[in-house]
Amino acid sequence: MKSQWECLLQNLGEWQGSFTRFSPQGELWEDTPTVVSLEGLNDDRTIRQTIRRFLPSQEVKEQVLEYSSLGRSTLFFDNGAFSQGSIQLAPFSEFGAELGLIDDSSRRLRLVQMFDKQGHLDKLTLIREKLAGTDDWQKGHSTTLIELLGEWQGEAVTIYPDWRSPDKYTTKLQLYLDDDGKLVQELTFGNQVISSTASINGSILLFERSSQPVQVLLLPDGASSTCPQQVKVGQPFFLEVGWLFESDRRQRLIRSYSHKGEWVSLTLVREFKVAVAN
């Protein structure tokens, strides 16, 4: 397995795209064109990151960061997928994380989920980027539930902030509608099977049977955001981004927290659709 620094280097280049902010209910707030450059210095031992935001006023806001090590809040996978964010949920503090996926090293999809000081989901930022010189995103397509229905099989890798050995296992995800028009999800990973049901309200899927309702929000261009509507200490929870980047190929990235609110793992799932729903 590559070192964490080598995994970071999979993200080098000039990434052209936009930061698109949504309300917790999926209402579009603003879309800001951006260019994010990651440049290796000193034989790639140092990274210079430049973020340029092109505002409606024609002003260009620029932020430059340089770093030669990674913090405890960040983990990377071999292909460059990563997550950074809060390592501990604390009372009366803002909480959130960024989850980033990468497709064949020319497109990235990142999602930032932020919660307010009471733990309620506050805002979402979807970041769609492509490397300079590669094909543009075909933006504007809203993800639909129909595209996700069916059976998905995949492989998952879980890595840990305490540096223990990664876990690898197969997954199966079945999504279908029951007779009442609700979404049924059956997830198999390892020897565990979890079944849950969600109500459907447009682009919002709400799993309410547990004491901690989980919301899936379908976003543009194959993206989806999954997280609790409110995070609380005392209940384990997870934050997830999904990306349907081809009609039969999907990636998911899951940042998991314990009942103590501690960040405990990061899981990358690569899935292929093997059957459509009846």
C-alpha atoms as a PDB file:
ATOM      1  CA  MET A   1       0.000   0.000   0.000  1.00  0.00           C
ATOM      2  CA  LYS A   2       1.193   3.504  -0.809  1.00  0.00           C
ATOM      3  CA  SER A   3       2.113   5.922   1.935  1.00  0.00           C
ATOM      4  CA  GLN A   4      -0.456   8.565   2.803  1.00  0.00           C
ATOM      5  CA  TRP A   5       1.746  11.210   1.164  1.00  0.00           C
ATOM      6  CA  GLU A   6       1.986   9.174  -2.062  1.00  0.00           C
ATOM      7  CA  CYS A   7      -1.822   8.866  -2.070  1.00  0.00           C
ATOM      8  CA  LEU A   8      -2.127  12.638  -1.720  1.00  0.00           C
ATOM      9  CA  LEU A   9       0.075  13.068  -4.803  1.00  0.00           C
ATOM     10  CA  GLN A  10      -2.645  11.433  -6.924  1.00  0.00           C
ATOM     11  CA  ASN A  11      -4.427  14.801  -6.610  1.00  0.00           C
ATOM     12  CA  LEU A  12      -1.666  16.948  -8.119  1.00  0.00           C
ATOM     13  CA  GLY A  13      -2.689  19.224 -10.967  1.00  0.00           C
ATOM     14  CA  GLU A  14      -4.975  22.125 -11.810  1.00  0.00           C
ATOM     15  CA  TRP A  15      -8.591  21.265 -11.013  1.00  0.00           C
ATOM     16  CA  GLN A  16     -11.208  23.437 -12.714  1.00  0.00           C
ATOM     17  CA  GLY A  17     -14.751  23.378 -11.418  1.00  0.00           C
ATOM     18  CA  SER A  18     -17.135  25.038  -9.012  1.00  0.00           C
ATOM     19  CA  PHE A  19     -18.228  25.129  -5.390  1.00  0.00           C
ATOM     20  CA  THR A  20     -22.023  24.686  -5.308  1.00  0.00           C
ATOM     21  CA  ARG A  21     -23.768  25.368  -1.994  1.00  0.00           C
ATOM     22  CA  PHE A  22     -27.090  23.768  -1.073  1.00  0.00           C
ATOM     23  CA  SER A  23     -29.460  23.990   1.862  1.00  0.00           C
ATOM     24  CA  PRO A  24     -29.994  20.806   3.919  1.00  0.00           C
ATOM     25  CA  GLN A  25     -33.131  20.234   1.805  1.00  0.00           C
ATOM     26  CA  GLY A  26     -31.251  20.498  -1.482  1.00  0.00           C
ATOM     27  CA  GLU A  27     -32.173  24.078  -2.383  1.00  0.00           C
ATOM     28  CA  LEU A  28     -29.466  25.660  -4.554  1.00  0.00           C
ATOM     29  CA  TRP A  29     -27.942  28.651  -2.774  1.00  0.00           C
ATOM     30  CA  GLU A  30     -24.991  29.620  -4.952  1.00  0.00           C
ATOM     31  CA  ASP A  31     -22.537  28.295  -7.538  1.00  0.00           C
ATOM     32  CA  THR A  32     -19.022  29.759  -7.621  1.00  0.00           C
ATOM     33  CA  PRO A  33     -16.504  28.877 -10.379  1.00  0.00           C
ATOM     34  CA  THR A  34     -13.159  27.785  -8.947  1.00  0.00           C
ATOM     35  CA  VAL A  35      -9.665  26.656  -9.843  1.00  0.00           C
ATOM     36  CA  VAL A  36      -7.790  24.567  -7.281  1.00  0.00           C
ATOM     37  CA  SER A  37      -4.120  23.895  -8.022  1.00  0.00           C
ATOM     38  CA  LEU A  38      -1.970  21.377  -6.168  1.00  0.00           C
ATOM     39  CA  GLU A  39       1.709  21.704  -7.065  1.00  0.00           C
ATOM     40  CA  GLY A  40       4.567  19.542  -5.794  1.00  0.00           C
ATOM     41  CA  LEU A  41       7.668  21.378  -4.580  1.00  0.00           C
ATOM     42  CA  ASN A  42      11.072  20.079  -3.420  1.00  0.00           C
ATOM     43  CA  ASP A  43      10.677  16.760  -5.286  1.00  0.00           C
ATOM     44  CA  ASP A  44       7.053  16.566  -4.125  1.00  0.00           C
ATOM     45  CA  ARG A  45       8.020  16.755  -0.457  1.00  0.00           C
ATOM     46  CA  THR A  46       5.989  19.962  -0.125  1.00  0.00           C
ATOM     47  CA  ILE A  47       2.575  20.744  -1.596  1.00  0.00           C
ATOM     48  CA  ARG A  48       1.478  24.231  -2.562  1.00  0.00           C
ATOM     49  CA  GLN A  49      -2.305  24.475  -2.804  1.00  0.00           C
ATOM     50  CA  THR A  50      -3.845  27.522  -4.456  1.00  0.00           C
ATOM     51  CA  ILE A  51      -7.615  28.059  -4.354  1.00  0.00           C
ATOM     52  CA  ARG A  52      -9.132  30.715  -6.620  1.00  0.00           C
ATOM     53  CA  ARG A  53     -12.819  31.636  -6.378  1.00  0.00           C
ATOM     54  CA  PHE A  54     -14.343  33.728  -9.190  1.00  0.00           C
ATOM     55  CA  LEU A  55     -17.089  35.811  -7.576  1.00  0.00           C
ATOM     56  CA  PRO A  56     -20.113  37.359  -9.368  1.00  0.00           C
ATOM     57  CA  SER A  57     -18.591  40.789  -8.680  1.00  0.00           C
ATOM     58  CA  GLN A  58     -15.650  39.778 -10.972  1.00  0.00           C
ATOM     59  CA  GLU A  59     -13.418  39.739  -7.903  1.00  0.00           C
ATOM     60  CA  VAL A  60     -11.050  36.776  -7.647  1.00  0.00           C
ATOM     61  CA  LYS A  61     -10.414  35.533  -4.122  1.00  0.00           C
ATOM     62  CA  GLU A  62      -7.180  33.577  -3.731  1.00  0.00           C
ATOM     63  CA  GLN A  63      -5.925  31.436  -0.866  1.00  0.00           C
ATOM     64  CA  VAL A  64      -2.485  29.800  -0.839  1.00  0.00           C
ATOM     65  CA  LEU A  65      -1.468  26.983   1.523  1.00  0.00           C
ATOM     66  CA  GLU A  66       1.789  25.059   1.798  1.00  0.00           C
ATOM     67  CA  TYR A  67       2.272  21.859   3.766  1.00  0.00           C
ATOM     68  CA  SER A  68       4.742  18.986   4.015  1.00  0.00           C
ATOM     69  CA  SER A  69       2.794  16.648   6.309  1.00  0.00           C
ATOM     70  CA  LEU A  70      -0.790  15.554   6.859  1.00  0.00           C
ATOM     71  CA  GLY A  71      -2.874  16.173   9.958  1.00  0.00           C
ATOM     72  CA  ARG A  72      -4.629  13.553  12.082  1.00  0.00           C
ATOM     73  CA  SER A  73      -7.982  14.565  10.632  1.00  0.00           C
ATOM     74  CA  THR A  74      -7.175  13.363   7.093  1.00  0.00           C
ATOM     75  CA  LEU A  75      -6.861   9.957   5.411  1.00  0.00           C
ATOM     76  CA  PHE A  76      -6.228   9.022   1.758  1.00  0.00           C
ATOM     77  CA  PHE A  77      -6.758   5.903  -0.350  1.00  0.00           C
ATOM     78  CA  ASP A  78      -4.393   4.634  -3.038  1.00  0.00           C
ATOM     79  CA  ASN A  79      -6.381   6.212  -5.878  1.00  0.00           C
ATOM     80  CA  GLY A  80      -6.398   9.663  -4.232  1.00  0.00           C
ATOM     81  CA  ALA A  81      -9.868   9.507  -2.639  1.00  0.00           C
ATOM     82  CA  PHE A  82      -9.761  11.162   0.773  1.00  0.00           C
ATOM     83  CA  SER A  83     -11.592  12.684   3.693  1.00  0.00           C
ATOM     84  CA  GLN A  84     -10.691  15.422   6.131  1.00  0.00           C
ATOM     85  CA  GLY A  85     -12.739  16.890   8.924  1.00  0.00           C
ATOM     86  CA  SER A  86     -13.667  16.853  12.577  1.00  0.00           C
ATOM     87  CA  ILE A  87     -12.110  14.037  14.594  1.00  0.00           C
ATOM     88  CA  GLN A  88     -14.450  14.539  17.555  1.00  0.00           C
ATOM     89  CA  LEU A  89     -18.059  15.634  17.927  1.00  0.00           C
ATOM     90  CA  ALA A  90     -18.221  18.074  20.831  1.00  0.00           C
ATOM     91  CA  PRO A  91     -21.212  19.880  22.369  1.00  0.00           C
ATOM     92  CA  PHE A  92     -21.875  23.439  21.180  1.00  0.00           C
ATOM     93  CA  SER A  93     -19.213  23.269  18.464  1.00  0.00           C
ATOM     94  CA  GLU A  94     -19.515  23.292  14.699  1.00  0.00           C
ATOM     95  CA  PHE A  95     -18.861  19.903  13.148  1.00  0.00           C
ATOM     96  CA  GLY A  96     -18.282  18.674   9.619  1.00  0.00           C
ATOM     97  CA  ALA A  97     -16.159  16.887   7.068  1.00  0.00           C
ATOM     98  CA  GLU A  98     -15.111  16.862   3.435  1.00  0.00           C
ATOM     99  CA  LEU A  99     -15.340  13.632   1.447  1.00  0.00           C
ATOM    100  CA  GLY A 100     -13.538  13.457  -1.901  1.00  0.00           C
ATOM    101  CA  LEU A 101     -13.763  10.897  -4.713  1.00  0.00           C
ATOM    102  CA  ILE A 102     -11.651  10.674  -7.855  1.00  0.00           C
ATOM    103  CA  ASP A 103     -12.422   9.011 -11.184  1.00  0.00           C
ATOM    104  CA  ASP A 104      -9.537   7.748 -13.365  1.00  0.00           C
ATOM    105  CA  SER A 105      -7.455  10.711 -12.189  1.00  0.00           C
ATOM    106  CA  SER A 106      -9.210  13.282 -14.413  1.00  0.00           C
ATOM    107  CA  ARG A 107     -12.424  14.106 -12.504  1.00  0.00           C
ATOM    108  CA  ARG A 108     -13.051  14.715  -8.822  1.00  0.00           C
ATOM    109  CA  LEU A 109     -16.239  15.019  -6.821  1.00  0.00           C
ATOM    110  CA  ARG A 110     -16.065  16.416  -3.320  1.00  0.00           C
ATOM    111  CA  LEU A 111     -18.774  17.063  -0.747  1.00  0.00           C
ATOM    112  CA  VAL A 112     -18.576  19.140   2.424  1.00  0.00           C
ATOM    113  CA  GLN A 113     -21.252  18.446   5.060  1.00  0.00           C
ATOM    114  CA  MET A 114     -21.457  21.018   7.855  1.00  0.00           C
ATOM    115  CA  PHE A 115     -23.491  20.911  11.082  1.00  0.00           C
ATOM    116  CA  ASP A 116     -24.299  23.821  13.386  1.00  0.00           C
ATOM    117  CA  LYS A 117     -23.485  24.082  17.094  1.00  0.00           C
ATOM    118  CA  GLN A 118     -26.655  22.166  18.008  1.00  0.00           C
ATOM    119  CA  GLY A 119     -25.654  19.310  15.694  1.00  0.00           C
ATOM    120  CA  HIS A 120     -28.242  20.011  12.971  1.00  0.00           C
ATOM    121  CA  LEU A 121     -27.253  19.672   9.318  1.00  0.00           C
ATOM    122  CA  ASP A 122     -26.596  23.270   8.281  1.00  0.00           C
ATOM    123  CA  LYS A 123     -25.261  23.360   4.719  1.00  0.00           C
ATOM    124  CA  LEU A 124     -23.763  21.262   1.941  1.00  0.00           C
ATOM    125  CA  THR A 125     -21.125  22.184  -0.630  1.00  0.00           C
ATOM    126  CA  LEU A 126     -20.782  20.037  -3.750  1.00  0.00           C
ATOM    127  CA  ILE A 127     -17.500  20.466  -5.649  1.00  0.00           C
ATOM    128  CA  ARG A 128     -17.262  19.082  -9.198  1.00  0.00           C
ATOM    129  CA  GLU A 129     -13.848  19.392 -10.842  1.00  0.00           C
ATOM    130  CA  LYS A 130     -11.881  18.208 -13.859  1.00  0.00           C
ATOM    131  CA  LEU A 131      -8.182  18.429 -14.640  1.00  0.00           C
ATOM    132  CA  ALA A 132      -7.164  21.229 -16.982  1.00  0.00           C
ATOM    133  CA  GLY A 133      -6.982  19.946 -20.538  1.00  0.00           C
ATOM    134  CA  THR A 134      -9.526  17.148 -20.067  1.00  0.00           C
ATOM    135  CA  ASP A 135     -13.184  16.930 -21.082  1.00  0.00           C
ATOM    136  CA  ASP A 136     -15.635  19.168 -19.283  1.00  0.00           C
ATOM    137  CA  TRP A 137     -18.293  17.842 -16.930  1.00  0.00           C
ATOM    138  CA  GLN A 138     -21.679  17.541 -18.605  1.00  0.00           C
ATOM    139  CA  LYS A 139     -23.354  19.439 -15.782  1.00  0.00           C
ATOM    140  CA  GLY A 140     -27.038  19.898 -15.148  1.00  0.00           C
ATOM    141  CA  HIS A 141     -28.277  16.314 -14.874  1.00  0.00           C
ATOM    142  CA  SER A 142     -30.148  15.765 -11.626  1.00  0.00           C
ATOM    143  CA  THR A 143     -29.610  12.367 -10.042  1.00  0.00           C
ATOM    144  CA  THR A 144     -32.787  10.278  -9.944  1.00  0.00           C
ATOM    145  CA  LEU A 145     -33.743   7.407  -7.701  1.00  0.00           C
ATOM    146  CA  ILE A 146     -34.561   5.262 -10.753  1.00  0.00           C
ATOM    147  CA  GLU A 147     -30.880   5.318 -11.732  1.00  0.00           C
ATOM    148  CA  LEU A 148     -29.916   3.811  -8.379  1.00  0.00           C
ATOM    149  CA  LEU A 149     -32.543   1.068  -8.167  1.00  0.00           C
ATOM    150  CA  GLY A 150     -31.276  -2.472  -8.683  1.00  0.00           C
ATOM    151  CA  GLU A 151     -28.523  -4.686  -7.314  1.00  0.00           C
ATOM    152  CA  TRP A 152     -24.992  -3.401  -6.836  1.00  0.00           C
ATOM    153  CA  GLN A 153     -21.987  -5.563  -6.037  1.00  0.00           C
ATOM    154  CA  GLY A 154     -18.662  -4.170  -4.998  1.00  0.00           C
ATOM    155  CA  GLU A 155     -15.539  -4.191  -2.929  1.00  0.00           C
ATOM    156  CA  ALA A 156     -14.857  -2.077   0.138  1.00  0.00           C
ATOM    157  CA  VAL A 157     -11.640  -1.012   1.852  1.00  0.00           C
ATOM    158  CA  THR A 158     -11.693   0.428   5.363  1.00  0.00           C
ATOM    159  CA  ILE A 159      -8.735   2.364   6.734  1.00  0.00           C
ATOM    160  CA  TYR A 160      -8.271   3.723  10.230  1.00  0.00           C
ATOM    161  CA  PRO A 161      -6.850   6.893  11.800  1.00  0.00           C
ATOM    162  CA  ASP A 162      -4.886   4.731  14.291  1.00  0.00           C
ATOM    163  CA  TRP A 163      -2.940   3.186  11.363  1.00  0.00           C
ATOM    164  CA  ARG A 164      -4.029  -0.419  11.940  1.00  0.00           C
ATOM    165  CA  SER A 165      -4.107  -2.698   8.883  1.00  0.00           C
ATOM    166  CA  PRO A 166      -6.894  -1.996   6.361  1.00  0.00           C
ATOM    167  CA  ASP A 167      -9.908  -4.296   6.117  1.00  0.00           C
ATOM    168  CA  LYS A 168     -11.143  -5.484   2.713  1.00  0.00           C
ATOM    169  CA  TYR A 169     -14.478  -7.173   2.029  1.00  0.00           C
ATOM    170  CA  THR A 170     -17.158  -7.619  -0.619  1.00  0.00           C
ATOM    171  CA  THR A 171     -20.454  -5.746  -0.573  1.00  0.00           C
ATOM    172  CA  LYS A 172     -23.922  -6.134  -2.034  1.00  0.00           C
ATOM    173  CA  LEU A 173     -26.517  -3.391  -2.107  1.00  0.00           C
ATOM    174  CA  GLN A 174     -30.095  -3.959  -3.236  1.00  0.00           C
ATOM    175  CA  LEU A 175     -32.418  -0.992  -3.748  1.00  0.00           C
ATOM    176  CA  TYR A 176     -36.062  -1.441  -4.719  1.00  0.00           C
ATOM    177  CA  LEU A 177     -39.524   0.016  -4.131  1.00  0.00           C
ATOM    178  CA  ASP A 178     -42.052  -1.849  -2.007  1.00  0.00           C
ATOM    179  CA  ASP A 179     -45.809  -2.027  -2.585  1.00  0.00           C
ATOM    180  CA  ASP A 180     -46.299   1.195  -0.625  1.00  0.00           C
ATOM    181  CA  GLY A 181     -43.874   3.089  -2.835  1.00  0.00           C
ATOM    182  CA  LYS A 182     -41.178   3.287  -0.178  1.00  0.00           C
ATOM    183  CA  LEU A 183     -37.516   2.596  -0.830  1.00  0.00           C
ATOM    184  CA  VAL A 184     -36.122  -0.628   0.619  1.00  0.00           C
ATOM    185  CA  GLN A 185     -32.363  -0.910   1.065  1.00  0.00           C
ATOM    186  CA  GLU A 186     -30.660  -4.217   1.834  1.00  0.00           C
ATOM    187  CA  LEU A 187     -26.930  -3.890   2.454  1.00  0.00           C
ATOM    188  CA  THR A 188     -24.656  -6.921   2.853  1.00  0.00           C
ATOM    189  CA  PHE A 189     -21.036  -6.506   3.883  1.00  0.00           C
ATOM    190  CA  GLY A 190     -18.959  -9.348   5.236  1.00  0.00           C
ATOM    191  CA  ASN A 191     -21.366 -11.496   7.243  1.00  0.00           C
ATOM    192  CA  GLN A 192     -23.703  -8.650   8.163  1.00  0.00           C
ATOM    193  CA  VAL A 193     -27.022  -7.777   6.526  1.00  0.00           C
ATOM    194  CA  ILE A 194     -28.795  -4.486   7.240  1.00  0.00           C
ATOM    195  CA  SER A 195     -32.277  -3.763   5.917  1.00  0.00           C
ATOM    196  CA  SER A 196     -33.944  -0.352   6.119  1.00  0.00           C
ATOM    197  CA  THR A 197     -36.841   1.549   4.564  1.00  0.00           C
ATOM    198  CA  ALA A 198     -37.057   5.171   3.480  1.00  0.00           C
ATOM    199  CA  SER A 199     -39.869   7.529   2.608  1.00  0.00           C
ATOM    200  CA  ILE A 200     -39.421   9.445  -0.643  1.00  0.00           C
ATOM    201  CA  ASN A 201     -40.006  13.181  -0.966  1.00  0.00           C
ATOM    202  CA  GLY A 202     -38.647  14.347  -4.301  1.00  0.00           C
ATOM    203  CA  SER A 203     -34.855  14.274  -4.063  1.00  0.00           C
ATOM    204  CA  ILE A 204     -34.904  13.493  -0.317  1.00  0.00           C
ATOM    205  CA  LEU A 205     -34.910   9.920   0.987  1.00  0.00           C
ATOM    206  CA  LEU A 206     -35.532   9.714   4.730  1.00  0.00           C
ATOM    207  CA  PHE A 207     -34.732   6.622   6.807  1.00  0.00           C
ATOM    208  CA  GLU A 208     -36.700   7.214  10.032  1.00  0.00           C
ATOM    209  CA  ARG A 209     -36.973   3.872  11.820  1.00  0.00           C
ATOM    210  CA  SER A 210     -33.952   4.422  14.056  1.00  0.00           C
ATOM    211  CA  SER A 211     -33.731   7.011  16.842  1.00  0.00           C
ATOM    212  CA  GLN A 212     -31.415   8.985  14.560  1.00  0.00           C
ATOM    213  CA  PRO A 213     -33.127   9.743  11.209  1.00  0.00           C
ATOM    214  CA  VAL A 214     -30.738   9.529   8.253  1.00  0.00           C
ATOM    215  CA  GLN A 215     -31.284  11.644   5.151  1.00  0.00           C
ATOM    216  CA  VAL A 216     -30.100  10.849   1.638  1.00  0.00           C
ATOM    217  CA  LEU A 217     -30.172  13.874  -0.639  1.00  0.00           C
ATOM    218  CA  LEU A 218     -29.873  13.285  -4.387  1.00  0.00           C
ATOM    219  CA  LEU A 219     -27.693  16.002  -5.904  1.00  0.00           C
ATOM    220  CA  PRO A 220     -26.724  16.877  -9.507  1.00  0.00           C
ATOM    221  CA  ASP A 221     -24.456  14.799 -11.735  1.00  0.00           C
ATOM    222  CA  GLY A 222     -24.694  11.475  -9.925  1.00  0.00           C
ATOM    223  CA  ALA A 223     -23.859  12.835  -6.479  1.00  0.00           C
ATOM    224  CA  SER A 224     -25.641  11.961  -3.251  1.00  0.00           C
ATOM    225  CA  SER A 225     -25.222  13.090   0.351  1.00  0.00           C
ATOM    226  CA  THR A 226     -26.036  10.740   3.243  1.00  0.00           C
ATOM    227  CA  CYS A 227     -25.896  11.793   6.886  1.00  0.00           C
ATOM    228  CA  PRO A 228     -28.061  12.193   9.992  1.00  0.00           C
ATOM    229  CA  GLN A 229     -30.312  15.221  10.143  1.00  0.00           C
ATOM    230  CA  GLN A 230     -28.749  15.814  13.550  1.00  0.00           C
ATOM    231  CA  VAL A 231     -25.571  14.331  15.031  1.00  0.00           C
ATOM    232  CA  LYS A 232     -25.455  13.531  18.743  1.00  0.00           C
ATOM    233  CA  VAL A 233     -22.948  12.092  21.172  1.00  0.00           C
ATOM    234  CA  GLY A 234     -24.226   8.739  22.433  1.00  0.00           C
ATOM    235  CA  GLN A 235     -25.149   7.339  19.017  1.00  0.00           C
ATOM    236  CA  PRO A 236     -22.743   6.069  16.346  1.00  0.00           C
ATOM    237  CA  PHE A 237     -23.226   7.704  12.960  1.00  0.00           C
ATOM    238  CA  PHE A 238     -21.628   8.121   9.558  1.00  0.00           C
ATOM    239  CA  LEU A 239     -21.206  10.734   6.837  1.00  0.00           C
ATOM    240  CA  GLU A 240     -21.263   9.550   3.222  1.00  0.00           C
ATOM    241  CA  VAL A 241     -20.887  10.832  -0.315  1.00  0.00           C
ATOM    242  CA  GLY A 242     -21.967   8.751  -3.305  1.00  0.00           C
ATOM    243  CA  TRP A 243     -21.066   9.268  -6.958  1.00  0.00           C
ATOM    244  CA  LEU A 244     -22.787   7.542  -9.862  1.00  0.00           C
ATOM    245  CA  PHE A 245     -20.111   8.454 -12.408  1.00  0.00           C
ATOM    246  CA  GLU A 246     -21.330   6.000 -15.051  1.00  0.00           C
ATOM    247  CA  SER A 247     -24.744   4.387 -15.425  1.00  0.00           C
ATOM    248  CA  ASP A 248     -23.476   1.115 -13.944  1.00  0.00           C
ATOM    249  CA  ARG A 249     -20.534   2.273 -11.836  1.00  0.00           C
ATOM    250  CA  ARG A 250     -20.641   4.012  -8.488  1.00  0.00           C
ATOM    251  CA  GLN A 251     -18.299   4.972  -5.652  1.00  0.00           C
ATOM    252  CA  ARG A 252     -19.157   5.749  -2.053  1.00  0.00           C
ATOM    253  CA  LEU A 253     -16.965   7.176   0.702  1.00  0.00           C
ATOM    254  CA  ILE A 254     -18.053   6.749   4.320  1.00  0.00           C
ATOM    255  CA  ARG A 255     -16.586   8.504   7.374  1.00  0.00           C
ATOM    256  CA  SER A 256     -17.733   6.700  10.550  1.00  0.00           C
ATOM    257  CA  TYR A 257     -17.956   7.913  14.141  1.00  0.00           C
ATOM    258  CA  SER A 258     -18.401   5.971  17.382  1.00  0.00           C
ATOM    259  CA  HIS A 259     -21.093   6.495  20.033  1.00  0.00           C
ATOM    260  CA  LYS A 260     -18.555   8.747  21.797  1.00  0.00           C
ATOM    261  CA  GLY A 261     -18.430  11.006  18.752  1.00  0.00           C
ATOM    262  CA  GLU A 262     -14.898   9.878  17.841  1.00  0.00           C
ATOM    263  CA  TRP A 263     -13.841   9.453  14.224  1.00  0.00           C
ATOM    264  CA  VAL A 264     -13.022   5.740  13.904  1.00  0.00           C
ATOM    265  CA  SER A 265     -12.731   4.773  10.216  1.00  0.00           C
ATOM    266  CA  LEU A 266     -12.981   5.696   6.541  1.00  0.00           C
ATOM    267  CA  THR A 267     -14.401   3.300   3.940  1.00  0.00           C
ATOM    268  CA  LEU A 268     -14.208   3.436   0.146  1.00  0.00           C
ATOM    269  CA  VAL A 269     -16.743   1.302  -1.762  1.00  0.00           C
ATOM    270  CA  ARG A 270     -16.518   0.666  -5.516  1.00  0.00           C
ATOM    271  CA  GLU A 271     -19.725  -0.813  -6.935  1.00  0.00           C
ATOM    272  CA  PHE A 272     -21.030  -2.205 -10.239  1.00  0.00           C
ATOM    273  CA  LYS A 273     -24.682  -2.605 -11.114  1.00  0.00           C
ATOM    274  CA  VAL A 274     -25.380  -6.263 -11.857  1.00  0.00           C
ATOM    275  CA  ALA A 275     -29.189  -6.186 -12.124  1.00  0.00           C
ATOM    276  CA  VAL A 276     -31.899  -3.594 -12.567  1.00  0.00           C
ATOM    277  CA  ALA A 277     -34.926  -3.452 -10.280  1.00  0.00           C
ATOM    278  CA  ASN A 278     -38.059  -5.334 -11.354  1.00  0.00           C
END
